[in-house]
N, C-alpha and C. Protein backbone atom coordinates (compact mmCIF):
# COMPACT_ATOMS: atom_id res chain seq x y z
N MET A 1 6.09 3.79 -18.47
CA MET A 1 6.85 4.46 -19.47
C MET A 1 6.43 5.90 -19.46
N CYS A 2 5.06 6.06 -19.41
CA CYS A 2 4.44 7.32 -19.50
C CYS A 2 4.97 8.32 -18.33
N TYR A 3 5.02 7.68 -17.06
CA TYR A 3 5.47 8.40 -15.98
C TYR A 3 6.94 8.79 -16.16
N ILE A 4 7.72 8.01 -16.62
CA ILE A 4 9.26 8.35 -16.91
C ILE A 4 9.24 9.57 -17.81
N TYR A 5 8.43 9.47 -18.85
CA TYR A 5 8.50 10.59 -19.92
C TYR A 5 8.15 11.87 -19.20
N VAL A 6 6.92 11.86 -18.62
CA VAL A 6 6.41 13.13 -17.96
C VAL A 6 7.41 13.64 -16.94
N LYS A 7 7.98 12.78 -16.17
CA LYS A 7 8.98 13.18 -15.08
C LYS A 7 10.23 13.87 -15.83
N ASN A 8 10.62 13.27 -16.96
CA ASN A 8 11.81 13.88 -17.68
C ASN A 8 11.34 15.20 -18.32
N VAL A 9 10.17 15.27 -18.80
CA VAL A 9 9.71 16.65 -19.38
C VAL A 9 9.49 17.70 -18.23
N ILE A 10 9.07 17.35 -17.12
CA ILE A 10 8.89 18.24 -16.00
C ILE A 10 10.37 18.67 -15.45
N ASP A 11 11.23 17.75 -15.38
CA ASP A 11 12.58 18.12 -14.96
C ASP A 11 13.22 18.97 -15.97
N ALA A 12 13.07 18.72 -17.32
CA ALA A 12 13.74 19.45 -18.28
C ALA A 12 13.07 20.89 -18.62
N GLY A 13 11.83 20.84 -18.16
CA GLY A 13 11.08 22.16 -18.52
C GLY A 13 10.61 22.25 -19.99
N GLY A 14 10.59 21.10 -20.71
CA GLY A 14 10.14 21.12 -22.03
C GLY A 14 9.99 19.75 -22.59
N HIS A 15 9.33 19.49 -23.69
CA HIS A 15 8.97 18.19 -24.23
C HIS A 15 10.05 17.52 -25.15
N ASP A 16 11.16 18.37 -25.32
CA ASP A 16 12.28 17.76 -26.12
C ASP A 16 13.24 17.10 -25.12
N VAL A 17 12.97 15.95 -24.72
CA VAL A 17 13.91 15.15 -23.82
C VAL A 17 14.23 13.91 -24.58
N SER A 18 15.49 13.45 -23.99
CA SER A 18 16.01 12.16 -24.58
C SER A 18 15.11 11.02 -23.99
N TRP A 19 15.01 9.94 -24.77
CA TRP A 19 14.20 8.91 -24.32
C TRP A 19 15.13 7.62 -24.33
N VAL A 20 14.66 6.58 -23.54
CA VAL A 20 15.42 5.34 -23.52
C VAL A 20 15.39 4.63 -24.84
N ASN A 21 16.44 3.89 -25.16
CA ASN A 21 16.58 3.27 -26.43
C ASN A 21 16.40 1.80 -26.25
N THR A 22 16.65 1.24 -25.09
CA THR A 22 16.60 -0.31 -24.90
C THR A 22 15.77 -0.59 -23.70
N MET A 23 15.37 -1.78 -23.53
CA MET A 23 14.61 -2.41 -22.44
C MET A 23 15.45 -2.28 -21.15
N PRO A 24 16.77 -2.54 -21.14
CA PRO A 24 17.66 -2.46 -19.90
C PRO A 24 17.64 -1.02 -19.45
N GLN A 25 17.68 -0.02 -20.38
CA GLN A 25 17.76 1.40 -19.94
C GLN A 25 16.39 1.76 -19.23
N LEU A 26 15.32 1.29 -19.87
CA LEU A 26 13.95 1.52 -19.34
C LEU A 26 13.94 0.85 -17.92
N ILE A 27 14.36 -0.34 -17.75
CA ILE A 27 14.40 -0.95 -16.43
C ILE A 27 15.23 -0.12 -15.39
N LEU A 28 16.37 0.27 -15.77
CA LEU A 28 17.21 1.06 -14.88
C LEU A 28 16.55 2.41 -14.49
N GLU A 29 15.95 3.08 -15.57
CA GLU A 29 15.30 4.38 -15.22
C GLU A 29 14.09 4.09 -14.24
N CYS A 30 13.37 3.04 -14.45
CA CYS A 30 12.21 2.81 -13.58
C CYS A 30 12.71 2.38 -12.07
N VAL A 31 13.67 1.73 -12.05
CA VAL A 31 14.27 1.40 -10.70
C VAL A 31 14.74 2.66 -9.95
N SER A 32 15.48 3.46 -10.66
CA SER A 32 15.87 4.74 -10.03
C SER A 32 14.81 5.64 -9.67
N LEU A 33 13.82 5.72 -10.42
CA LEU A 33 12.67 6.56 -10.05
C LEU A 33 11.91 5.98 -8.88
N LEU A 34 11.82 4.58 -8.94
CA LEU A 34 11.06 3.95 -7.87
C LEU A 34 11.78 4.16 -6.50
N LEU A 35 13.13 4.00 -6.46
CA LEU A 35 13.84 4.30 -5.19
C LEU A 35 13.69 5.76 -4.69
N ARG A 36 13.68 6.57 -5.69
CA ARG A 36 13.72 8.09 -5.37
C ARG A 36 12.34 8.42 -4.90
N ASP A 37 11.37 8.02 -5.68
CA ASP A 37 9.90 8.51 -5.48
C ASP A 37 9.37 7.84 -4.17
N LEU A 38 9.67 6.66 -3.98
CA LEU A 38 9.23 5.90 -2.81
C LEU A 38 9.61 6.61 -1.43
N ASP A 39 10.93 6.97 -1.45
CA ASP A 39 11.45 7.68 -0.25
C ASP A 39 10.83 8.97 -0.14
N GLU A 40 10.56 9.68 -1.11
CA GLU A 40 10.00 11.11 -1.12
C GLU A 40 8.59 10.91 -0.57
N GLU A 41 7.79 9.88 -1.12
CA GLU A 41 6.41 9.63 -0.78
C GLU A 41 6.32 9.34 0.80
N LYS A 42 7.22 8.44 1.21
CA LYS A 42 7.17 8.04 2.67
C LYS A 42 7.32 9.20 3.54
N ALA A 43 8.16 10.23 3.12
CA ALA A 43 8.36 11.36 3.99
C ALA A 43 7.40 12.35 3.86
N ARG A 44 6.49 12.39 3.05
CA ARG A 44 5.58 13.46 2.69
C ARG A 44 4.71 13.99 3.84
N ASP A 45 4.18 13.29 4.77
CA ASP A 45 3.30 13.80 5.76
C ASP A 45 4.05 13.61 7.23
N LEU A 46 5.28 13.36 7.17
CA LEU A 46 6.00 13.25 8.48
C LEU A 46 6.20 14.74 9.06
N PRO A 47 6.41 14.79 10.36
CA PRO A 47 6.83 16.03 11.05
C PRO A 47 8.30 16.21 10.50
N ALA A 48 8.69 17.51 10.56
CA ALA A 48 9.94 18.00 9.97
C ALA A 48 11.16 17.11 10.46
N ALA A 49 11.27 16.87 11.70
CA ALA A 49 12.36 16.06 12.38
C ALA A 49 12.46 14.65 11.74
N HIS A 50 11.17 13.97 11.79
CA HIS A 50 11.19 12.67 11.14
C HIS A 50 11.45 12.70 9.72
N ARG A 51 10.94 13.58 9.03
CA ARG A 51 11.26 13.68 7.48
C ARG A 51 12.74 13.81 7.34
N ALA A 52 13.36 14.73 8.08
CA ALA A 52 14.82 14.89 7.89
C ALA A 52 15.61 13.51 8.28
N ALA A 53 15.18 12.89 9.29
CA ALA A 53 15.89 11.59 9.62
C ALA A 53 15.65 10.53 8.60
N LEU A 54 14.46 10.39 8.05
CA LEU A 54 14.15 9.46 7.02
C LEU A 54 15.02 9.80 5.78
N LEU A 55 14.95 10.99 5.36
CA LEU A 55 15.65 11.39 4.15
C LEU A 55 17.19 11.19 4.22
N ARG A 56 17.81 11.39 5.51
CA ARG A 56 19.23 11.00 5.81
C ARG A 56 19.44 9.57 5.60
N ARG A 57 18.55 8.84 6.17
CA ARG A 57 18.77 7.30 6.11
C ARG A 57 18.36 6.66 4.75
N ARG A 58 17.77 7.38 3.86
CA ARG A 58 17.35 6.85 2.65
C ARG A 58 18.38 6.24 1.75
N ASN A 59 19.68 6.82 1.93
CA ASN A 59 20.67 6.27 1.12
C ASN A 59 21.30 5.02 1.79
N GLU A 60 20.97 4.59 3.00
CA GLU A 60 21.51 3.43 3.54
C GLU A 60 20.96 2.26 2.59
N TYR A 61 21.95 1.36 2.33
CA TYR A 61 21.69 0.25 1.48
C TYR A 61 21.17 0.55 0.16
N ARG A 62 21.53 1.79 -0.38
CA ARG A 62 20.92 2.11 -1.63
C ARG A 62 21.37 1.14 -2.78
N ASP A 63 22.71 0.69 -2.72
CA ASP A 63 23.21 -0.24 -3.66
C ASP A 63 22.44 -1.58 -3.71
N GLU A 64 22.16 -2.05 -2.43
CA GLU A 64 21.40 -3.28 -2.25
C GLU A 64 20.04 -3.23 -2.71
N LYS A 65 19.31 -2.06 -2.47
CA LYS A 65 17.97 -1.92 -2.98
C LYS A 65 17.94 -1.84 -4.52
N PHE A 66 18.99 -1.13 -5.05
CA PHE A 66 19.05 -0.94 -6.46
C PHE A 66 19.23 -2.34 -7.17
N GLN A 67 20.24 -3.00 -6.58
CA GLN A 67 20.54 -4.50 -7.19
C GLN A 67 19.23 -5.37 -7.08
N PHE A 68 18.51 -5.27 -5.89
CA PHE A 68 17.30 -6.10 -5.80
C PHE A 68 16.31 -5.67 -6.85
N LEU A 69 16.07 -4.43 -6.89
CA LEU A 69 14.98 -3.93 -7.78
C LEU A 69 15.31 -4.19 -9.29
N HIS A 70 16.59 -4.01 -9.56
CA HIS A 70 17.04 -4.34 -10.95
C HIS A 70 16.81 -5.84 -11.16
N TYR A 71 17.20 -6.62 -10.36
CA TYR A 71 16.94 -8.04 -10.56
C TYR A 71 15.50 -8.46 -10.70
N PHE A 72 14.66 -7.85 -9.83
CA PHE A 72 13.17 -8.19 -9.81
C PHE A 72 12.53 -7.64 -11.05
N ALA A 73 12.93 -6.39 -11.53
CA ALA A 73 12.33 -5.95 -12.72
C ALA A 73 12.83 -6.67 -13.94
N GLY A 74 14.08 -7.04 -14.00
CA GLY A 74 14.49 -7.85 -15.18
C GLY A 74 13.72 -9.22 -15.24
N THR A 75 13.48 -9.77 -14.05
CA THR A 75 12.85 -11.11 -14.00
C THR A 75 11.52 -10.99 -14.25
N LEU A 76 10.79 -9.84 -13.90
CA LEU A 76 9.38 -9.71 -14.28
C LEU A 76 9.27 -9.38 -15.69
N VAL A 77 10.17 -8.71 -16.32
CA VAL A 77 10.14 -8.45 -17.71
C VAL A 77 10.27 -9.86 -18.58
N ARG A 78 11.14 -10.62 -18.02
CA ARG A 78 11.32 -11.91 -18.73
C ARG A 78 10.07 -12.80 -18.64
N VAL A 79 9.52 -12.87 -17.40
CA VAL A 79 8.35 -13.74 -17.08
C VAL A 79 7.16 -13.34 -17.91
N VAL A 80 6.91 -12.04 -17.92
CA VAL A 80 5.80 -11.50 -18.67
C VAL A 80 5.93 -11.71 -20.10
N GLY A 81 7.22 -11.49 -20.58
CA GLY A 81 7.56 -11.75 -22.03
C GLY A 81 7.27 -13.06 -22.41
N GLN A 82 7.50 -14.11 -21.58
CA GLN A 82 7.22 -15.59 -21.83
C GLN A 82 5.77 -15.76 -21.93
N TYR A 83 4.94 -15.24 -21.20
CA TYR A 83 3.44 -15.41 -21.27
C TYR A 83 2.86 -14.63 -22.37
N LEU A 84 3.48 -13.53 -22.90
CA LEU A 84 2.95 -12.84 -24.17
C LEU A 84 3.36 -13.47 -25.42
N THR A 85 4.35 -14.36 -25.36
CA THR A 85 4.64 -14.92 -26.66
C THR A 85 4.09 -16.24 -26.94
């Protein structure tokens, strides 16, 4: 949650940013950041040609990745919630 807030502050250029109101919104925000940041991190130390190719391919199967991570995150929240109650 802290990472999402800080990322939003950096992107907005100030601390007055909107925040998520529900758990599903938080999960969707985490999934989106995970997909975007993982691809950027993978490309970080690659030569320019490899980085360009990877970043071009990163949108392949984006919907499938998003659906899987959304399912996984939701399942994880439910399972952890069961153990905490």
